[in-house]
Protein backbone atom coordinates (compact mmCIF):
# COMPACT_ATOMS: atom_id res chain seq x y z
CA MET A 1 91.53 87.11 103.78
CA ALA A 2 94.15 87.84 101.04
CA LEU A 3 91.21 86.52 98.24
CA ILE A 4 88.90 89.22 99.68
CA ILE A 5 91.34 92.42 99.54
CA VAL A 6 92.88 91.27 96.35
CA LEU A 7 89.24 91.05 94.79
CA SER A 8 87.73 94.23 96.27
CA VAL A 9 91.11 95.84 94.95
CA PHE A 10 90.47 94.52 91.45
CA ASN A 11 86.54 95.51 91.83
CA GLY A 12 87.78 99.32 93.03
CA PHE A 13 90.01 99.57 89.49
CA GLU A 14 87.21 98.22 87.59
CA ASN A 15 84.79 100.71 88.82
CA LEU A 16 87.19 103.39 88.47
CA VAL A 17 87.93 102.62 84.87
CA ILE A 18 84.43 102.22 84.29
CA SER A 19 83.44 105.55 85.66
CA LEU A 20 86.21 107.54 83.43
CA PHE A 21 84.82 105.37 80.29
CA ASN A 22 81.52 106.21 81.33
CA SER A 23 82.16 109.90 81.32
CA PHE A 24 83.21 110.12 77.61
CA ASN A 25 81.38 107.25 76.30
CA PRO A 26 77.93 107.37 75.60
CA GLU A 27 74.83 104.88 77.00
CA ILE A 28 73.80 103.94 73.61
CA GLN A 29 75.72 104.37 70.19
CA ILE A 30 74.32 103.40 66.62
CA VAL A 31 77.06 102.89 63.89
CA ALA A 32 76.49 101.40 60.33
CA LYS A 33 76.88 97.58 60.20
CA TYR A 34 78.79 98.04 57.05
CA GLY A 35 81.08 100.79 56.27
CA LYS A 36 82.32 104.13 57.88
CA SER A 37 79.24 106.65 57.52
CA PHE A 38 75.76 106.63 56.57
CA GLU A 39 73.01 109.24 55.54
CA ALA A 40 71.85 111.04 58.70
CA ASN A 41 68.46 111.24 56.67
CA SER A 42 68.45 106.88 56.81
CA ILE A 43 68.06 107.16 60.66
CA PRO A 44 64.57 107.69 61.74
CA THR A 45 65.56 110.36 64.01
CA ASP A 46 61.82 111.50 65.26
CA LYS A 47 61.27 107.78 65.88
CA ILE A 48 64.19 107.43 68.48
CA LYS A 49 63.73 110.41 70.28
CA ASN A 50 60.30 109.61 70.93
CA ILE A 51 61.21 106.03 72.43
CA GLU A 52 60.66 105.99 76.22
CA GLY A 53 63.75 106.36 77.98
CA VAL A 54 65.73 108.20 75.44
CA ALA A 55 66.67 111.72 76.73
CA TYR A 56 69.39 112.98 74.39
CA TYR A 57 70.25 112.63 70.88
CA ASN A 58 73.78 113.48 69.56
CA GLU A 59 74.92 113.27 65.84
CA VAL A 60 78.79 112.75 65.70
CA ILE A 61 81.13 112.68 62.80
CA GLU A 62 84.68 110.80 63.93
CA ASP A 63 87.76 110.82 61.66
CA VAL A 64 91.55 110.80 61.81
CA ALA A 65 92.96 114.36 60.89
CA LEU A 66 96.35 115.98 61.22
CA VAL A 67 96.85 118.87 63.55
CA LYS A 68 99.55 121.17 63.42
CA TYR A 69 100.29 124.09 66.33
CA LYS A 70 103.14 126.67 65.78
CA ALA A 71 105.91 123.87 64.54
CA LYS A 72 104.75 120.85 66.09
CA GLN A 73 102.16 118.45 64.55
CA ASP A 74 100.04 115.44 65.89
CA ILE A 75 97.57 112.86 64.42
CA VAL A 76 94.62 112.69 66.14
CA THR A 77 90.58 112.05 65.80
CA ILE A 78 88.53 114.63 65.27
CA LYS A 79 85.15 114.27 66.64
CA GLY A 80 82.27 116.85 65.97
CA VAL A 81 79.67 116.96 68.24
CA ASN A 82 75.98 118.80 68.51
CA ASP A 83 74.78 120.61 71.73
CA ASP A 84 73.66 117.49 73.17
CA PHE A 85 76.94 115.98 73.73
CA GLN A 86 77.61 117.83 76.95
CA LYS A 87 74.64 116.91 78.26
CA LEU A 88 75.07 113.14 77.57
CA SER A 89 78.59 113.20 78.65
CA ARG A 90 80.57 114.42 81.80
CA LEU A 91 83.42 116.00 80.04
CA ASP A 92 82.69 119.24 80.95
CA THR A 93 83.54 118.04 84.56
CA MET A 94 87.05 116.60 83.22
CA ILE A 95 88.13 120.24 82.10
CA ILE A 96 91.63 120.86 83.62
CA ASP A 97 92.31 124.02 81.93
CA GLY A 98 89.83 126.85 79.99
CA LYS A 99 86.57 125.64 79.81
CA PHE A 100 84.15 123.48 77.45
CA VAL A 101 83.01 125.65 74.72
CA LEU A 102 82.50 124.60 71.37
CA GLN A 103 80.64 127.13 69.57
CA ASN A 104 80.37 131.18 70.43
CA GLY A 105 78.08 132.52 67.44
CA ILE A 106 79.86 132.08 64.48
CA HIS A 107 83.01 131.25 65.86
CA ASP A 108 84.04 127.37 66.49
CA TYR A 109 86.21 125.76 69.35
CA ALA A 110 88.19 123.10 69.96
CA VAL A 111 88.62 120.87 73.25
CA VAL A 112 91.25 119.00 73.26
CA GLY A 113 92.85 116.05 75.20
CA GLN A 114 95.72 116.50 77.67
CA ALA A 115 98.15 114.20 76.10
CA ILE A 116 97.64 115.97 72.67
CA ALA A 117 97.82 119.53 74.37
CA TYR A 118 101.07 118.63 76.12
CA LYS A 119 102.62 117.23 72.64
CA LEU A 120 101.70 120.54 70.71
CA GLY A 121 102.83 122.51 73.66
CA LEU A 122 99.29 124.16 73.31
CA ASN A 123 98.69 127.68 75.11
CA LEU A 124 95.00 128.79 75.72
CA LYS A 125 95.91 131.89 76.17
CA ASP A 126 98.07 132.66 72.88
CA GLN A 127 94.92 133.77 70.54
CA SER A 128 97.77 134.76 68.04
CA ASN A 129 98.39 131.01 67.09
CA LEU A 130 95.20 128.93 66.31
CA ILE A 131 95.16 124.91 65.70
CA GLU A 132 95.57 124.09 62.05
CA VAL A 133 93.20 121.21 60.85
CA TYR A 134 94.47 119.11 57.88
CA VAL A 135 92.40 116.32 56.08
CA PRO A 136 93.19 114.56 52.80
CA ARG A 137 90.37 115.68 50.59
CA ARG A 138 87.84 113.07 49.06
CA GLY A 139 88.45 111.86 45.31
CA SER A 140 91.44 113.62 45.23
CA GLY A 141 94.47 111.77 43.47
CA VAL A 142 98.11 112.20 44.18
CA SER A 143 99.17 115.56 44.00
CA ILE A 144 102.48 117.44 44.92
CA ASP A 145 100.55 120.54 45.75
CA PRO A 146 99.37 120.12 49.03
CA THR A 147 96.66 122.70 48.64
CA LYS A 148 94.93 120.77 46.33
CA ALA A 149 95.46 117.19 48.27
CA PHE A 150 94.35 118.76 51.65
CA ASN A 151 91.40 120.33 53.30
CA SER A 152 92.48 122.90 55.83
CA LYS A 153 90.79 124.77 58.77
CA ASN A 154 91.85 126.99 61.62
CA ILE A 155 90.35 126.61 64.99
CA PHE A 156 90.70 128.46 68.59
CA ALA A 157 91.12 125.87 71.85
CA SER A 158 89.16 126.69 74.51
CA GLY A 159 89.90 124.02 76.87
CA ILE A 160 91.79 120.68 77.71
CA PHE A 161 90.19 117.33 79.09
CA SER A 162 91.76 114.95 80.95
CA VAL A 163 89.65 111.54 81.20
CA GLN A 164 91.85 108.51 80.60
CA GLN A 165 95.26 108.06 78.81
CA GLU A 166 93.55 106.57 75.69
CA PHE A 167 90.84 109.26 75.25
CA ASP A 168 93.74 111.91 76.14
CA SER A 169 95.97 110.83 73.37
CA LYS A 170 93.49 110.64 70.65
CA TYR A 171 90.57 113.06 70.61
CA VAL A 172 90.09 116.50 69.73
CA ILE A 173 86.03 117.68 69.99
CA VAL A 174 84.83 120.49 67.84
CA PRO A 175 81.56 121.22 66.36
CA LEU A 176 79.56 118.98 64.17
CA ARG A 177 79.29 121.84 61.77
CA PHE A 178 83.24 122.54 61.45
CA ALA A 179 83.51 118.57 61.21
CA ARG A 180 81.04 118.32 58.13
CA GLU A 181 83.06 121.10 56.49
CA ILE A 182 86.49 119.87 56.81
CA PHE A 183 85.41 116.22 56.17
CA GLU A 184 83.15 116.91 53.41
CA TYR A 185 80.09 115.03 54.87
CA PRO A 186 77.46 117.86 54.39
CA THR A 187 74.87 114.73 55.05
CA LYS A 188 76.76 112.31 56.31
CA LEU A 189 77.44 110.89 60.16
CA THR A 190 79.90 108.54 61.45
CA SER A 191 77.55 107.35 64.61
CA VAL A 192 74.45 108.70 66.62
CA GLU A 193 75.13 108.80 70.41
CA LEU A 194 72.09 108.58 72.87
CA GLY A 195 71.38 109.51 76.33
CA LEU A 196 69.05 108.11 78.49
CA LYS A 197 66.84 109.22 81.24
CA ARG A 198 67.73 108.00 85.12
CA ASN A 199 65.24 105.44 85.44
CA ALA A 200 65.34 104.02 81.94
CA ASN A 201 65.62 100.29 81.43
CA LEU A 202 68.93 100.21 78.91
CA GLU A 203 68.21 96.27 77.74
CA ASN A 204 64.59 97.28 76.69
CA VAL A 205 65.31 100.92 75.41
CA GLN A 206 68.22 99.03 73.53
CA LYS A 207 66.23 96.47 71.88
CA GLU A 208 63.60 98.77 70.82
CA ILE A 209 65.89 101.01 68.97
CA GLN A 210 67.51 98.15 67.20
CA ALA A 211 64.39 97.43 65.65
CA THR A 212 63.73 100.80 64.83
CA VAL A 213 66.59 101.39 62.84
CA GLY A 214 66.88 97.82 61.37
CA SER A 215 69.61 95.04 60.56
CA GLN A 216 71.53 97.58 58.81
CA TYR A 217 72.75 99.23 61.83
CA VAL A 218 74.30 98.36 65.29
CA VAL A 219 73.13 99.67 68.56
CA LYS A 220 76.04 99.31 71.49
CA ASN A 221 75.49 99.63 75.01
CA ARG A 222 78.93 100.90 76.65
CA PHE A 223 80.01 97.57 77.60
CA GLN A 224 80.06 96.64 73.93
CA GLN A 225 81.75 99.92 72.83
CA GLN A 226 84.77 98.77 75.09
CA GLU A 227 84.16 94.67 74.96
CA VAL A 228 87.60 94.16 74.73
CA LEU A 229 88.85 95.87 77.99
CA TYR A 230 85.82 94.84 80.09
CA LYS A 231 86.58 91.18 79.28
CA ILE A 232 90.15 91.89 80.01
CA MET A 233 89.61 93.08 83.34
CA LYS A 234 87.05 90.54 84.20
CA SER A 235 89.60 87.65 82.90
CA GLU A 236 92.53 89.22 84.93
CA LYS A 237 90.24 89.38 88.21
CA TRP A 238 89.50 85.48 87.93
CA ALA A 239 92.96 84.71 86.96
CA ILE A 240 94.20 86.50 90.04
CA PHE A 241 91.36 84.61 92.05
CA LEU A 242 92.27 81.16 90.76
CA ILE A 243 95.77 81.77 91.25
CA LEU A 244 95.41 82.43 94.99
CA THR A 245 92.83 79.67 95.44
CA PHE A 246 95.79 77.28 93.79
CA ILE A 247 98.16 78.95 96.41
CA LEU A 248 95.04 78.05 99.15
CA VAL A 249 95.00 74.33 97.99
CA ILE A 250 98.55 74.02 98.41
CA ALA A 251 98.52 75.76 101.80
CA THR A 252 95.93 73.33 103.07
CA PHE A 253 98.38 70.40 103.05
CA ASN A 254 99.24 72.07 106.72
CA VAL A 255 95.61 71.25 107.55
CA ILE A 256 96.00 67.65 106.28
CA GLY A 257 99.22 67.13 108.37
CA THR A 258 97.59 68.79 111.43
CA MET A 259 94.67 66.67 111.19
CA ILE A 260 96.54 63.49 111.24
CA MET A 261 98.51 64.59 113.91
CA ILE A 262 95.38 65.39 115.89
CA ILE A 263 94.15 61.94 115.18
CA ILE A 264 97.64 59.93 115.98
CA ASP A 265 97.60 62.43 119.28
CA LYS A 266 94.12 60.95 120.14
CA ARG A 267 94.72 57.48 119.79
CA LYS A 268 93.78 56.49 123.59
CA ASP A 269 91.09 58.51 123.26
CA ILE A 270 89.71 56.96 120.36
CA SER A 271 90.40 53.62 121.76
CA VAL A 272 88.34 54.36 124.63
CA LEU A 273 85.57 55.37 122.87
CA TRP A 274 85.70 52.23 120.60
CA CYS A 275 85.57 50.11 123.81
CA LEU A 276 82.50 52.31 124.94
CA GLY A 277 80.70 51.14 121.81
CA ALA A 278 81.37 53.98 119.55
CA ASP A 279 81.83 52.54 115.97
CA GLN A 280 83.80 53.84 112.83
CA LYS A 281 81.66 56.06 111.54
CA LEU A 282 80.79 57.83 114.70
CA LEU A 283 84.55 58.27 115.35
CA ARG A 284 84.95 59.67 111.82
CA LYS A 285 82.08 62.25 112.21
CA ILE A 286 83.53 63.37 115.16
CA PHE A 287 87.06 64.34 113.26
CA LEU A 288 85.07 65.34 110.36
CA PHE A 289 83.08 67.75 112.33
CA GLU A 290 86.17 69.30 114.27
CA GLY A 291 87.65 69.88 110.79
CA VAL A 292 84.52 71.71 109.45
CA LEU A 293 84.98 73.85 112.61
CA VAL A 294 88.52 74.37 111.39
CA SER A 295 87.30 75.57 108.14
CA VAL A 296 84.38 77.65 109.14
CA ILE A 297 86.07 79.50 111.85
CA GLY A 298 89.05 79.99 109.62
CA ALA A 299 86.77 81.49 106.44
CA ILE A 300 85.03 83.62 108.67
CA LEU A 301 88.10 85.10 110.52
CA GLY A 302 89.76 85.40 107.07
CA ILE A 303 86.71 87.39 105.59
CA PHE A 304 86.13 89.25 108.59
CA LEU A 305 89.78 90.78 108.56
CA GLY A 306 89.71 91.22 104.99
CA GLY A 307 86.63 93.17 104.96
CA LEU A 308 88.33 95.48 107.99
CA VAL A 309 91.59 95.68 106.00
CA CYS A 310 89.21 97.08 102.93
CA PHE A 311 87.28 99.22 104.93
CA ILE A 312 90.09 101.09 106.95
CA GLN A 313 91.49 101.31 102.96
CA GLN A 314 88.38 102.75 101.87
CA LYS A 315 87.76 105.00 104.66
CA PHE A 316 91.16 106.35 105.00
CA GLY A 317 93.39 105.70 101.86
CA ILE A 318 96.29 104.24 104.22
CA VAL A 319 98.01 102.04 101.19
CA SER A 320 98.64 104.99 98.51
CA LEU A 321 99.91 104.14 94.58
CA GLN A 322 103.13 105.90 94.44
CA SER A 323 101.94 107.87 91.58
CA ASN A 324 103.25 111.36 92.50
CA GLY A 325 100.01 113.14 91.51
CA SER A 326 99.99 111.54 88.02
CA PHE A 327 97.14 109.40 88.55
CA VAL A 328 93.43 109.97 88.96
CA VAL A 329 93.52 108.55 92.74
CA ASP A 330 96.25 108.48 95.32
CA ALA A 331 95.29 105.11 97.09
CA TYR A 332 94.46 102.15 95.88
CA PRO A 333 90.51 101.96 95.26
CA ILE A 334 88.44 99.51 96.87
CA GLN A 335 85.15 98.26 96.47
CA MET A 336 83.55 95.23 98.31
CA LYS A 337 80.82 93.24 97.02
CA LEU A 338 78.96 90.80 98.67
CA TRP A 339 79.11 88.14 96.23
CA ASP A 340 82.81 87.98 96.43
CA PHE A 341 82.39 87.33 100.08
CA VAL A 342 80.22 84.75 99.65
CA MET A 343 82.36 82.94 96.69
CA VAL A 344 85.72 83.32 99.03
CA PHE A 345 83.65 81.62 101.86
CA PHE A 346 82.33 78.64 99.90
CA THR A 347 85.74 78.04 98.47
CA VAL A 348 87.51 78.05 101.43
CA PHE A 349 84.67 76.21 103.06
CA GLY A 350 84.98 73.68 100.01
CA ILE A 351 88.66 73.00 100.14
CA GLY A 352 88.76 72.93 103.62
CA ILE A 353 86.19 70.19 103.81
CA ILE A 354 88.09 68.13 100.56
CA THR A 355 91.10 68.26 102.81
CA ILE A 356 89.45 67.07 105.77
CA ILE A 357 88.31 63.71 104.13
CA TYR A 358 91.37 62.08 103.62
CA PRO A 359 93.01 61.98 107.22
CA VAL A 360 89.45 61.31 108.51
CA LEU A 361 89.30 58.37 106.39
CA GLN A 362 92.29 56.77 107.79
CA ILE A 363 90.50 56.13 111.05
CA SER A 364 90.09 52.40 109.98
CA THR A 365 89.30 49.32 111.69
CA LYS A 366 92.67 48.02 111.33
CA PHE A 367 93.59 51.45 113.25
CA LEU A 368 91.33 51.21 116.09
CA ASN A 369 92.24 47.58 116.59
CA LYS A 370 95.95 48.56 117.45
CA LYS A 371 96.85 48.08 121.00
CA PHE A 372 97.82 51.72 122.74
């Protein structure tokens, strides 16, 4: 029961985190294998767009900058994107203030992460104060004159988004043309992001894109873009599973004691069966079968109760996170997976069988020859 509940909670958190990251990260990302940027015309854009399954193509310029609003400032990552960004991401559904607008005619707008907006004290209704963006000029030497050492540009904020702390405290989304100008990347990109059609085969599309762009570029899916995070979540889940399994192994010593007491208590019955012609092998089978019944019934009952608790939590959210509204969900998320139920059953059953073998082997000829 404990195994089922804990694994289902981990599945719920994993699914929640992945959904949050997927609302920002593209399905496929193309980056240079060496260096931070590459020439936009070095990518066969038309060939990639014509690959079966590719729906959206977003060119990206991403780099670090200093932003200033009134008297406050922060170091952020400016991400310049084109029109397809909104289509391949779900960031427009994560807007908590204002709206998702990056361009309106000749005017450029920025969409700011919630943590950055809080740190800057950003007020979207105040049109008299703009966000000032400062970036070191490329190729400029050391200078005491900041106007020569930095590129600077002002931009209005149109909205504030909230996805996850890592994104909210890092990103400011701007139009690609704004990023090109301030970072001095007239023909370069730092990455290309792709959105796929609903029924596209991700693995096949990724391989085809990799073959198209060649070995000078790395094509990453969402798992590879956040590889460390996903591996940590998997490791935590299996670590908890092993810890609970170890506790279960310790708890099964009670089963060993119970089976030994049953054998001792049934000595007269064993003696009667022995006198009637039952051999040592048959007697061991009887107690082994009883032990198997204990393991199977215990495993099924635990799985049923664990599934019932998970279902109630999933449906009604009885156990809350005590987050005072600061988290994206109010109650512990639950996601039940069939594989977890199968794995837990066979784990419990296997431990039970191994535990039963020891007391059953104590039914020896010497034990049976005792007078009762």
